[in-house]
């Protein structure tokens, strides 16, 4: 999942530790989210949304799927 966390944090001149403090998580968690190594839980995504006063969709975007690959499996009857 792509995200704009680093950009939004930089706009406020916050370090990763500053953002982590606002969210009640570790700096390592913020680093992992920014680098796409960890997808936040839904409650954490809502907290991030509140901190930056933006909708979740403005902060997080799904990765593009290769053509022909479907996100969901369909069951045949």
N, C-alpha and C. Protein backbone atom coordinates (compact mmCIF):
# COMPACT_ATOMS: atom_id res chain seq x y z
N UNK A 1 0.84 -1.17 0.00
CA UNK A 1 0.00 0.00 0.00
C UNK A 1 0.89 1.24 0.00
N UNK A 2 0.59 2.15 -0.90
CA UNK A 2 1.33 3.41 -0.95
C UNK A 2 0.70 4.38 0.05
N UNK A 3 1.51 5.33 0.51
CA UNK A 3 0.96 6.33 1.43
C UNK A 3 1.72 7.64 1.29
N UNK A 4 1.09 8.69 1.81
CA UNK A 4 1.66 10.05 1.77
C UNK A 4 2.15 10.49 3.15
N UNK A 5 2.37 9.54 4.02
CA UNK A 5 2.71 9.86 5.41
C UNK A 5 3.96 10.73 5.52
N UNK A 6 5.01 10.37 4.79
CA UNK A 6 6.27 11.13 4.86
C UNK A 6 6.06 12.58 4.42
N UNK A 7 5.29 12.77 3.35
CA UNK A 7 5.02 14.12 2.84
C UNK A 7 4.20 14.92 3.85
N UNK A 8 3.15 14.32 4.37
CA UNK A 8 2.29 15.02 5.33
C UNK A 8 3.07 15.37 6.60
N UNK A 9 3.93 14.45 7.03
CA UNK A 9 4.73 14.70 8.22
C UNK A 9 5.72 15.84 7.97
N UNK A 10 6.33 15.85 6.80
CA UNK A 10 7.31 16.89 6.45
C UNK A 10 6.64 18.26 6.36
N UNK A 11 5.40 18.30 5.88
CA UNK A 11 4.68 19.58 5.79
C UNK A 11 4.51 20.23 7.17
N UNK A 12 4.52 19.41 8.20
CA UNK A 12 4.38 19.93 9.57
C UNK A 12 5.72 20.03 10.30
N UNK A 13 6.80 19.69 9.58
CA UNK A 13 8.14 19.68 10.17
C UNK A 13 8.21 18.75 11.39
N UNK A 14 7.52 17.60 11.28
CA UNK A 14 7.54 16.61 12.35
C UNK A 14 8.54 15.52 12.03
N UNK A 15 9.23 15.06 13.04
CA UNK A 15 10.07 13.87 12.90
C UNK A 15 9.17 12.64 12.99
N UNK A 16 9.73 11.49 12.70
CA UNK A 16 8.97 10.26 12.88
C UNK A 16 8.58 10.10 14.35
N UNK A 17 9.48 10.49 15.23
CA UNK A 17 9.20 10.40 16.67
C UNK A 17 8.04 11.32 17.06
N UNK A 18 7.98 12.51 16.46
CA UNK A 18 6.88 13.43 16.75
C UNK A 18 5.54 12.81 16.36
N UNK A 19 5.48 12.27 15.13
CA UNK A 19 4.25 11.65 14.68
C UNK A 19 3.90 10.45 15.54
N UNK A 20 4.88 9.65 15.86
CA UNK A 20 4.65 8.48 16.71
C UNK A 20 4.04 8.89 18.04
N UNK A 21 4.52 9.98 18.60
CA UNK A 21 3.99 10.48 19.87
C UNK A 21 2.52 10.89 19.73
N UNK A 22 2.17 11.54 18.63
CA UNK A 22 0.78 11.94 18.39
C UNK A 22 -0.13 10.72 18.24
N UNK A 23 0.43 9.63 17.71
CA UNK A 23 -0.37 8.44 17.44
C UNK A 23 -0.33 7.41 18.56
N UNK A 24 0.61 7.55 19.48
CA UNK A 24 0.75 6.57 20.55
C UNK A 24 1.36 5.26 20.07
N UNK A 25 2.26 5.35 19.08
CA UNK A 25 2.97 4.17 18.56
C UNK A 25 4.46 4.44 18.61
N UNK A 26 5.26 3.46 18.24
CA UNK A 26 6.71 3.65 18.23
C UNK A 26 7.16 4.35 16.94
N UNK A 27 8.34 4.94 17.00
CA UNK A 27 8.92 5.55 15.82
C UNK A 27 9.15 4.50 14.74
N UNK A 28 9.50 3.28 15.15
CA UNK A 28 9.72 2.20 14.21
C UNK A 28 8.45 1.86 13.44
N UNK A 29 7.29 1.97 14.10
CA UNK A 29 6.01 1.72 13.43
C UNK A 29 5.79 2.76 12.34
N UNK A 30 6.03 4.02 12.66
CA UNK A 30 5.88 5.09 11.66
C UNK A 30 6.83 4.84 10.49
N UNK A 31 8.07 4.49 10.78
CA UNK A 31 9.05 4.21 9.73
C UNK A 31 8.58 3.06 8.84
N UNK A 32 8.08 2.00 9.44
CA UNK A 32 7.63 0.83 8.67
C UNK A 32 6.43 1.17 7.79
N UNK A 33 5.52 1.99 8.29
CA UNK A 33 4.36 2.39 7.48
C UNK A 33 4.84 3.26 6.31
N UNK A 34 5.70 4.23 6.59
CA UNK A 34 6.20 5.12 5.54
C UNK A 34 6.90 4.35 4.43
N UNK A 35 7.62 3.31 4.80
CA UNK A 35 8.39 2.54 3.82
C UNK A 35 7.60 1.39 3.20
N UNK A 36 6.32 1.30 3.52
CA UNK A 36 5.47 0.27 2.93
C UNK A 36 5.74 -1.14 3.42
N UNK A 37 6.41 -1.25 4.56
CA UNK A 37 6.71 -2.57 5.12
C UNK A 37 5.62 -3.04 6.08
N UNK A 38 4.74 -2.13 6.46
CA UNK A 38 3.68 -2.46 7.41
C UNK A 38 2.45 -1.66 7.04
N UNK A 39 1.31 -2.34 6.93
CA UNK A 39 0.04 -1.67 6.70
C UNK A 39 -0.62 -1.46 8.05
N UNK A 40 -1.02 -0.23 8.34
CA UNK A 40 -1.61 0.03 9.65
C UNK A 40 -2.95 -0.67 9.82
N UNK A 41 -3.28 -0.94 11.07
CA UNK A 41 -4.61 -1.47 11.37
C UNK A 41 -5.63 -0.39 11.03
N UNK A 42 -6.87 -0.78 10.92
CA UNK A 42 -7.91 0.20 10.62
C UNK A 42 -8.00 1.27 11.70
N UNK A 43 -7.98 0.91 12.99
CA UNK A 43 -8.00 1.98 14.01
C UNK A 43 -6.81 2.94 13.89
N UNK A 44 -5.63 2.42 13.59
CA UNK A 44 -4.46 3.30 13.44
C UNK A 44 -4.60 4.17 12.19
N UNK A 45 -5.14 3.61 11.11
CA UNK A 45 -5.37 4.41 9.90
C UNK A 45 -6.33 5.56 10.20
N UNK A 46 -7.38 5.29 10.99
CA UNK A 46 -8.30 6.36 11.37
C UNK A 46 -7.60 7.40 12.24
N UNK A 47 -6.73 6.96 13.14
CA UNK A 47 -5.97 7.92 13.97
C UNK A 47 -5.08 8.80 13.10
N UNK A 48 -4.41 8.20 12.13
CA UNK A 48 -3.56 8.96 11.21
C UNK A 48 -4.40 9.97 10.45
N UNK A 49 -5.56 9.54 10.00
CA UNK A 49 -6.49 10.41 9.29
C UNK A 49 -6.89 11.61 10.14
N UNK A 50 -7.18 11.35 11.41
CA UNK A 50 -7.57 12.44 12.33
C UNK A 50 -6.41 13.40 12.58
N UNK A 51 -5.20 12.86 12.79
CA UNK A 51 -4.04 13.71 13.06
C UNK A 51 -3.79 14.67 11.90
N UNK A 52 -3.92 14.17 10.67
CA UNK A 52 -3.65 15.01 9.50
C UNK A 52 -4.89 15.68 8.94
N UNK A 53 -6.04 15.44 9.57
CA UNK A 53 -7.31 16.04 9.17
C UNK A 53 -7.58 15.82 7.68
N UNK A 54 -7.39 14.58 7.24
CA UNK A 54 -7.64 14.21 5.85
C UNK A 54 -8.32 12.84 5.84
N UNK A 55 -9.11 12.58 4.81
CA UNK A 55 -9.72 11.25 4.72
C UNK A 55 -8.64 10.18 4.50
N UNK A 56 -8.93 8.99 4.96
CA UNK A 56 -7.98 7.88 4.80
C UNK A 56 -7.56 7.73 3.34
N UNK A 57 -8.52 7.87 2.43
CA UNK A 57 -8.23 7.68 1.00
C UNK A 57 -7.24 8.71 0.47
N UNK A 58 -7.12 9.86 1.13
CA UNK A 58 -6.17 10.88 0.71
C UNK A 58 -4.75 10.57 1.21
N UNK A 59 -4.65 9.65 2.16
CA UNK A 59 -3.36 9.30 2.75
C UNK A 59 -2.85 7.96 2.21
N UNK A 60 -3.74 6.99 2.09
CA UNK A 60 -3.36 5.64 1.68
C UNK A 60 -3.99 5.29 0.34
N UNK A 61 -3.20 4.70 -0.55
CA UNK A 61 -3.69 4.24 -1.85
C UNK A 61 -3.20 2.81 -2.07
N UNK A 62 -4.09 1.95 -2.60
CA UNK A 62 -3.65 0.58 -2.87
C UNK A 62 -2.63 0.55 -4.00
N UNK A 63 -1.77 -0.45 -3.97
CA UNK A 63 -0.81 -0.66 -5.06
C UNK A 63 -1.59 -1.04 -6.31
N UNK A 64 -1.08 -0.68 -7.46
CA UNK A 64 -1.70 -1.06 -8.72
C UNK A 64 -1.49 -2.56 -8.95
N UNK A 65 -2.56 -3.24 -9.34
CA UNK A 65 -2.47 -4.67 -9.64
C UNK A 65 -2.06 -4.85 -11.10
N UNK A 66 -1.25 -5.86 -11.39
CA UNK A 66 -0.92 -6.12 -12.80
C UNK A 66 -2.18 -6.47 -13.58
N UNK A 67 -2.24 -6.14 -14.87
CA UNK A 67 -3.42 -6.47 -15.67
C UNK A 67 -3.72 -7.96 -15.61
N UNK A 68 -4.99 -8.28 -15.49
CA UNK A 68 -5.40 -9.68 -15.46
C UNK A 68 -5.40 -10.30 -14.08
N UNK A 69 -4.80 -9.65 -13.12
CA UNK A 69 -4.77 -10.18 -11.75
C UNK A 69 -5.95 -9.59 -11.00
N UNK A 70 -6.71 -10.44 -10.35
CA UNK A 70 -7.89 -9.99 -9.63
C UNK A 70 -7.63 -10.03 -8.14
N UNK A 71 -8.16 -9.05 -7.46
CA UNK A 71 -8.01 -8.96 -6.02
C UNK A 71 -8.75 -10.07 -5.29
N UNK A 72 -9.92 -10.42 -5.80
CA UNK A 72 -10.77 -11.39 -5.12
C UNK A 72 -10.91 -12.64 -5.98
N UNK A 73 -10.88 -13.78 -5.34
CA UNK A 73 -11.14 -15.02 -6.06
C UNK A 73 -12.64 -15.20 -6.18
N UNK A 74 -13.07 -15.71 -7.29
CA UNK A 74 -14.49 -15.99 -7.45
C UNK A 74 -14.69 -17.49 -7.38
N UNK A 75 -15.75 -17.89 -6.78
CA UNK A 75 -16.08 -19.31 -6.66
C UNK A 75 -17.06 -19.66 -7.76
N UNK A 76 -16.79 -20.76 -8.43
CA UNK A 76 -17.75 -21.19 -9.44
C UNK A 76 -18.77 -22.10 -8.78
N UNK A 77 -19.99 -22.04 -9.27
CA UNK A 77 -21.07 -22.82 -8.66
C UNK A 77 -21.06 -24.23 -9.15
